[in-house]
């Protein structure tokens, strides 16, 4: 597993690509589901990543709601990943940077 340090003192593991989730979300999108729905419920990429990044993010002041808001604002890039236009590593690294830029100021 790769680690990224998007901000001083913040280390986030970059998990392996959730291929089953990607395929299920992509299939739902191609079937006509509103693509915004896949990023705001309990099976979304944001909630999945929150479970992995929570131990690093909570101590620096980011809660689940704020994190999911960042993911929702990043959904265009996630959509590109789902459609095969972005690699998982590119997508999740970019999201880590966006999360770091939105950490509460201490």
N, C-alpha and C. Protein backbone atom coordinates (compact mmCIF):
# COMPACT_ATOMS: atom_id res chain seq x y z
N UNK A 1 0.85 -1.18 0.00
CA UNK A 1 0.00 0.00 0.00
C UNK A 1 0.89 1.24 0.00
N UNK A 2 0.52 2.21 -0.78
CA UNK A 2 1.25 3.46 -0.88
C UNK A 2 0.74 4.43 0.17
N UNK A 3 1.61 5.32 0.59
CA UNK A 3 1.24 6.36 1.56
C UNK A 3 1.50 7.70 0.90
N UNK A 4 0.60 8.65 1.12
CA UNK A 4 0.78 10.01 0.63
C UNK A 4 0.76 10.94 1.84
N UNK A 5 1.56 12.00 1.77
CA UNK A 5 1.59 13.01 2.82
C UNK A 5 1.18 14.34 2.21
N UNK A 6 -0.13 14.60 2.11
CA UNK A 6 -0.60 15.80 1.43
C UNK A 6 -0.41 17.09 2.24
N UNK A 7 -0.10 16.96 3.52
CA UNK A 7 0.15 18.13 4.38
C UNK A 7 1.11 17.70 5.48
N UNK A 8 1.81 18.65 6.02
CA UNK A 8 2.76 18.34 7.08
C UNK A 8 2.04 17.65 8.24
N UNK A 9 2.56 16.50 8.62
CA UNK A 9 1.99 15.76 9.74
C UNK A 9 0.80 14.90 9.40
N UNK A 10 0.40 14.86 8.13
CA UNK A 10 -0.76 14.06 7.72
C UNK A 10 -0.28 12.98 6.76
N UNK A 11 -0.48 11.73 7.15
CA UNK A 11 -0.12 10.57 6.32
C UNK A 11 -1.38 9.76 6.05
N UNK A 12 -1.69 9.60 4.78
CA UNK A 12 -2.88 8.83 4.39
C UNK A 12 -2.45 7.64 3.55
N UNK A 13 -2.93 6.47 3.93
CA UNK A 13 -2.70 5.28 3.12
C UNK A 13 -3.55 5.37 1.86
N UNK A 14 -2.95 5.05 0.73
CA UNK A 14 -3.71 5.00 -0.51
C UNK A 14 -4.11 3.55 -0.74
N UNK A 15 -5.35 3.23 -0.42
CA UNK A 15 -5.78 1.83 -0.50
C UNK A 15 -5.84 1.33 -1.94
N UNK A 16 -5.80 0.03 -2.06
CA UNK A 16 -5.97 -0.58 -3.38
C UNK A 16 -7.33 -0.18 -3.95
N UNK A 17 -7.39 -0.14 -5.23
CA UNK A 17 -8.61 0.26 -5.92
C UNK A 17 -9.78 -0.66 -5.55
N UNK A 18 -10.91 -0.06 -5.17
CA UNK A 18 -12.11 -0.87 -4.86
C UNK A 18 -12.83 -1.24 -6.16
N UNK A 19 -12.30 -2.21 -6.84
CA UNK A 19 -12.78 -2.57 -8.18
C UNK A 19 -14.25 -2.98 -8.19
N UNK A 20 -14.68 -3.74 -7.19
CA UNK A 20 -16.10 -4.15 -7.16
C UNK A 20 -17.02 -2.95 -7.01
N UNK A 21 -16.65 -2.01 -6.13
CA UNK A 21 -17.45 -0.79 -5.95
C UNK A 21 -17.45 0.02 -7.24
N UNK A 22 -16.28 0.17 -7.84
CA UNK A 22 -16.17 0.91 -9.11
C UNK A 22 -17.10 0.31 -10.15
N UNK A 23 -17.04 -0.99 -10.31
CA UNK A 23 -17.86 -1.65 -11.33
C UNK A 23 -19.35 -1.49 -11.04
N UNK A 24 -19.73 -1.64 -9.78
CA UNK A 24 -21.15 -1.51 -9.41
C UNK A 24 -21.64 -0.09 -9.64
N UNK A 25 -20.85 0.91 -9.25
CA UNK A 25 -21.25 2.30 -9.46
C UNK A 25 -21.30 2.63 -10.95
N UNK A 26 -20.31 2.18 -11.70
CA UNK A 26 -20.30 2.43 -13.15
C UNK A 26 -21.51 1.78 -13.81
N UNK A 27 -21.81 0.54 -13.44
CA UNK A 27 -22.97 -0.14 -14.03
C UNK A 27 -24.25 0.60 -13.71
N UNK A 28 -24.35 1.10 -12.48
CA UNK A 28 -25.55 1.86 -12.10
C UNK A 28 -25.65 3.15 -12.92
N UNK A 29 -24.53 3.81 -13.12
CA UNK A 29 -24.54 5.04 -13.92
C UNK A 29 -24.94 4.76 -15.36
N UNK A 30 -24.37 3.71 -15.91
CA UNK A 30 -24.69 3.37 -17.30
C UNK A 30 -26.14 2.93 -17.46
N UNK A 31 -26.76 2.46 -16.37
CA UNK A 31 -28.17 2.06 -16.39
C UNK A 31 -29.11 3.25 -16.19
N UNK A 32 -28.53 4.44 -15.96
CA UNK A 32 -29.35 5.64 -15.85
C UNK A 32 -29.52 6.21 -14.46
N UNK A 33 -28.88 5.61 -13.47
CA UNK A 33 -28.97 6.15 -12.11
C UNK A 33 -28.33 7.54 -12.08
N UNK A 34 -28.92 8.45 -11.34
CA UNK A 34 -28.34 9.79 -11.17
C UNK A 34 -26.97 9.64 -10.52
N UNK A 35 -25.93 10.07 -11.19
CA UNK A 35 -24.57 9.81 -10.72
C UNK A 35 -24.26 10.47 -9.39
N UNK A 36 -25.00 11.50 -8.99
CA UNK A 36 -24.76 12.13 -7.70
C UNK A 36 -25.18 11.22 -6.55
N UNK A 37 -26.10 10.30 -6.80
CA UNK A 37 -26.57 9.40 -5.74
C UNK A 37 -25.46 8.50 -5.23
N UNK A 38 -24.54 8.11 -6.07
CA UNK A 38 -23.48 7.19 -5.68
C UNK A 38 -22.42 7.78 -4.78
N UNK A 39 -22.49 9.08 -4.53
CA UNK A 39 -21.47 9.72 -3.72
C UNK A 39 -21.98 10.25 -2.39
N UNK A 40 -23.23 9.99 -2.07
CA UNK A 40 -23.76 10.57 -0.85
C UNK A 40 -24.39 9.56 0.10
N UNK A 41 -24.39 8.28 -0.24
CA UNK A 41 -24.98 7.32 0.67
C UNK A 41 -23.91 6.41 1.28
N UNK A 42 -24.32 5.45 2.07
CA UNK A 42 -23.39 4.65 2.84
C UNK A 42 -22.58 3.64 2.03
N UNK A 43 -22.78 3.54 0.74
CA UNK A 43 -21.95 2.65 -0.07
C UNK A 43 -21.05 3.44 -1.00
N UNK A 44 -20.94 4.72 -0.76
CA UNK A 44 -20.17 5.55 -1.68
C UNK A 44 -18.67 5.47 -1.42
N UNK A 45 -17.93 5.93 -2.37
CA UNK A 45 -16.48 5.96 -2.28
C UNK A 45 -16.03 6.77 -1.08
N UNK A 46 -16.69 7.88 -0.83
CA UNK A 46 -16.31 8.74 0.31
C UNK A 46 -16.43 8.04 1.64
N UNK A 47 -17.52 7.34 1.84
CA UNK A 47 -17.71 6.63 3.11
C UNK A 47 -16.70 5.48 3.21
N UNK A 48 -16.43 4.83 2.11
CA UNK A 48 -15.44 3.75 2.07
C UNK A 48 -14.05 4.29 2.44
N UNK A 49 -13.68 5.42 1.84
CA UNK A 49 -12.38 6.02 2.17
C UNK A 49 -12.34 6.56 3.59
N UNK A 50 -13.47 7.10 4.06
CA UNK A 50 -13.51 7.62 5.43
C UNK A 50 -13.13 6.53 6.42
N UNK A 51 -13.62 5.34 6.22
CA UNK A 51 -13.28 4.25 7.14
C UNK A 51 -11.78 3.98 7.16
N UNK A 52 -11.11 4.22 6.08
CA UNK A 52 -9.67 3.99 6.00
C UNK A 52 -8.86 5.18 6.49
N UNK A 53 -9.36 6.40 6.24
CA UNK A 53 -8.61 7.61 6.58
C UNK A 53 -9.02 8.26 7.89
N UNK A 54 -10.11 7.83 8.47
CA UNK A 54 -10.61 8.42 9.72
C UNK A 54 -9.55 8.50 10.81
N UNK A 55 -8.76 7.43 11.05
CA UNK A 55 -7.77 7.52 12.13
C UNK A 55 -6.74 8.63 11.94
N UNK A 56 -6.48 9.01 10.70
CA UNK A 56 -5.54 10.10 10.45
C UNK A 56 -6.23 11.46 10.43
N UNK A 57 -7.50 11.51 10.00
CA UNK A 57 -8.19 12.78 9.81
C UNK A 57 -8.86 13.33 11.07
N UNK A 58 -9.44 12.47 11.87
CA UNK A 58 -10.11 12.97 13.08
C UNK A 58 -9.17 13.73 14.02
N UNK A 59 -7.95 13.22 14.26
CA UNK A 59 -7.05 13.96 15.17
C UNK A 59 -6.66 15.36 14.66
N UNK A 60 -6.77 15.60 13.35
CA UNK A 60 -6.44 16.92 12.83
C UNK A 60 -7.69 17.77 12.59
N UNK A 61 -8.84 17.29 13.08
CA UNK A 61 -10.04 18.11 13.11
C UNK A 61 -11.05 17.90 12.00
N UNK A 62 -10.88 16.90 11.16
CA UNK A 62 -11.87 16.67 10.10
C UNK A 62 -12.81 15.56 10.52
N UNK A 63 -14.11 15.84 10.47
CA UNK A 63 -15.10 14.81 10.80
C UNK A 63 -15.67 14.20 9.51
N UNK A 64 -16.49 13.18 9.70
CA UNK A 64 -17.04 12.44 8.55
C UNK A 64 -17.84 13.33 7.62
N UNK A 65 -18.68 14.18 8.18
CA UNK A 65 -19.52 15.05 7.36
C UNK A 65 -18.67 15.98 6.48
N UNK A 66 -17.67 16.58 7.07
CA UNK A 66 -16.79 17.47 6.31
C UNK A 66 -16.04 16.69 5.22
N UNK A 67 -15.62 15.48 5.56
CA UNK A 67 -14.91 14.66 4.59
C UNK A 67 -15.81 14.30 3.41
N UNK A 68 -17.02 13.86 3.69
CA UNK A 68 -17.95 13.50 2.61
C UNK A 68 -18.26 14.73 1.76
N UNK A 69 -18.34 15.92 2.37
CA UNK A 69 -18.54 17.15 1.59
C UNK A 69 -17.39 17.37 0.61
N UNK A 70 -16.16 17.10 1.06
CA UNK A 70 -15.00 17.23 0.16
C UNK A 70 -15.12 16.22 -0.98
N UNK A 71 -15.50 15.01 -0.66
CA UNK A 71 -15.64 13.97 -1.69
C UNK A 71 -16.72 14.38 -2.70
N UNK A 72 -17.83 14.89 -2.22
CA UNK A 72 -18.90 15.31 -3.11
C UNK A 72 -18.41 16.43 -4.03
N UNK A 73 -17.60 17.35 -3.51
CA UNK A 73 -17.07 18.43 -4.35
C UNK A 73 -16.05 17.91 -5.36
N UNK A 74 -15.55 16.69 -5.16
CA UNK A 74 -14.56 16.07 -6.03
C UNK A 74 -15.19 15.05 -6.98
N UNK A 75 -16.50 15.00 -7.01
CA UNK A 75 -17.18 13.93 -7.72
C UNK A 75 -16.91 13.91 -9.22
N UNK A 76 -16.57 15.03 -9.82
CA UNK A 76 -16.25 15.01 -11.26
C UNK A 76 -15.03 14.12 -11.51
N UNK A 77 -14.01 14.26 -10.69
CA UNK A 77 -12.82 13.42 -10.84
C UNK A 77 -13.15 11.96 -10.55
N UNK A 78 -14.00 11.73 -9.55
CA UNK A 78 -14.41 10.36 -9.26
C UNK A 78 -15.20 9.77 -10.41
N UNK A 79 -16.03 10.58 -11.02
CA UNK A 79 -16.78 10.12 -12.19
C UNK A 79 -15.82 9.72 -13.30
N UNK A 80 -14.78 10.53 -13.53
CA UNK A 80 -13.78 10.20 -14.55
C UNK A 80 -13.08 8.88 -14.23
N UNK A 81 -12.82 8.63 -12.94
CA UNK A 81 -12.24 7.35 -12.54
C UNK A 81 -13.22 6.21 -12.83
N UNK A 82 -14.46 6.40 -12.48
CA UNK A 82 -15.46 5.35 -12.72
C UNK A 82 -15.56 5.01 -14.20
N UNK A 83 -15.43 6.00 -15.05
CA UNK A 83 -15.57 5.80 -16.49
C UNK A 83 -14.27 5.39 -17.17
N UNK A 84 -13.21 5.24 -16.38
CA UNK A 84 -11.94 4.78 -16.94
C UNK A 84 -11.05 5.86 -17.50
N UNK A 85 -11.38 7.11 -17.24
CA UNK A 85 -10.58 8.23 -17.74
C UNK A 85 -9.47 8.65 -16.77
N UNK A 86 -9.53 8.20 -15.54
CA UNK A 86 -8.50 8.48 -14.53
C UNK A 86 -8.11 7.17 -13.88
N UNK A 87 -6.85 7.05 -13.55
CA UNK A 87 -6.38 5.91 -12.77
C UNK A 87 -6.74 6.12 -11.32
N UNK A 88 -6.94 5.04 -10.59
CA UNK A 88 -7.27 5.11 -9.17
C UNK A 88 -6.22 5.92 -8.40
N UNK A 89 -4.96 5.64 -8.65
CA UNK A 89 -3.89 6.35 -7.94
C UNK A 89 -3.95 7.84 -8.16
N UNK A 90 -4.20 8.27 -9.38
CA UNK A 90 -4.33 9.69 -9.68
C UNK A 90 -5.52 10.29 -8.93
N UNK A 91 -6.61 9.59 -8.98
CA UNK A 91 -7.85 10.08 -8.39
C UNK A 91 -7.73 10.22 -6.88
N UNK A 92 -7.28 9.17 -6.22
CA UNK A 92 -7.25 9.17 -4.76
C UNK A 92 -6.14 10.09 -4.24
N UNK A 93 -5.03 10.22 -4.97
CA UNK A 93 -3.98 11.15 -4.57
C UNK A 93 -4.48 12.59 -4.65
N UNK A 94 -5.20 12.89 -5.73
CA UNK A 94 -5.79 14.23 -5.87
C UNK A 94 -6.79 14.52 -4.77
N UNK A 95 -7.58 13.53 -4.42
CA UNK A 95 -8.55 13.71 -3.34
C UNK A 95 -7.83 13.95 -2.02
N UNK A 96 -6.75 13.23 -1.77
CA UNK A 96 -5.98 13.44 -0.54
C UNK A 96 -5.48 14.87 -0.46
N UNK A 97 -5.01 15.41 -1.56
CA UNK A 97 -4.57 16.81 -1.59
C UNK A 97 -5.70 17.78 -1.31
N UNK A 98 -6.85 17.50 -1.88
CA UNK A 98 -8.01 18.38 -1.65
C UNK A 98 -8.43 18.31 -0.18
N UNK A 99 -8.42 17.12 0.39
CA UNK A 99 -8.76 16.97 1.80
C UNK A 99 -7.78 17.80 2.66
N UNK A 100 -6.51 17.69 2.36
CA UNK A 100 -5.50 18.42 3.14
C UNK A 100 -5.72 19.93 3.06
N UNK A 101 -6.11 20.43 1.91
CA UNK A 101 -6.35 21.87 1.75
C UNK A 101 -7.60 22.34 2.48
N UNK A 102 -8.45 21.41 2.87
CA UNK A 102 -9.70 21.78 3.55
C UNK A 102 -9.70 21.40 5.03
N UNK A 103 -8.54 21.06 5.57
CA UNK A 103 -8.45 20.79 6.99
C UNK A 103 -8.72 22.07 7.77
N UNK A 104 -9.34 21.94 8.94
CA UNK A 104 -9.55 23.13 9.77
C UNK A 104 -8.20 23.77 10.13
N UNK A 105 -8.19 25.08 10.15
CA UNK A 105 -6.98 25.82 10.52
C UNK A 105 -6.82 25.73 12.03
N UNK A 106 -5.63 25.33 12.46
CA UNK A 106 -5.42 25.21 13.91
C UNK A 106 -4.77 26.45 14.48
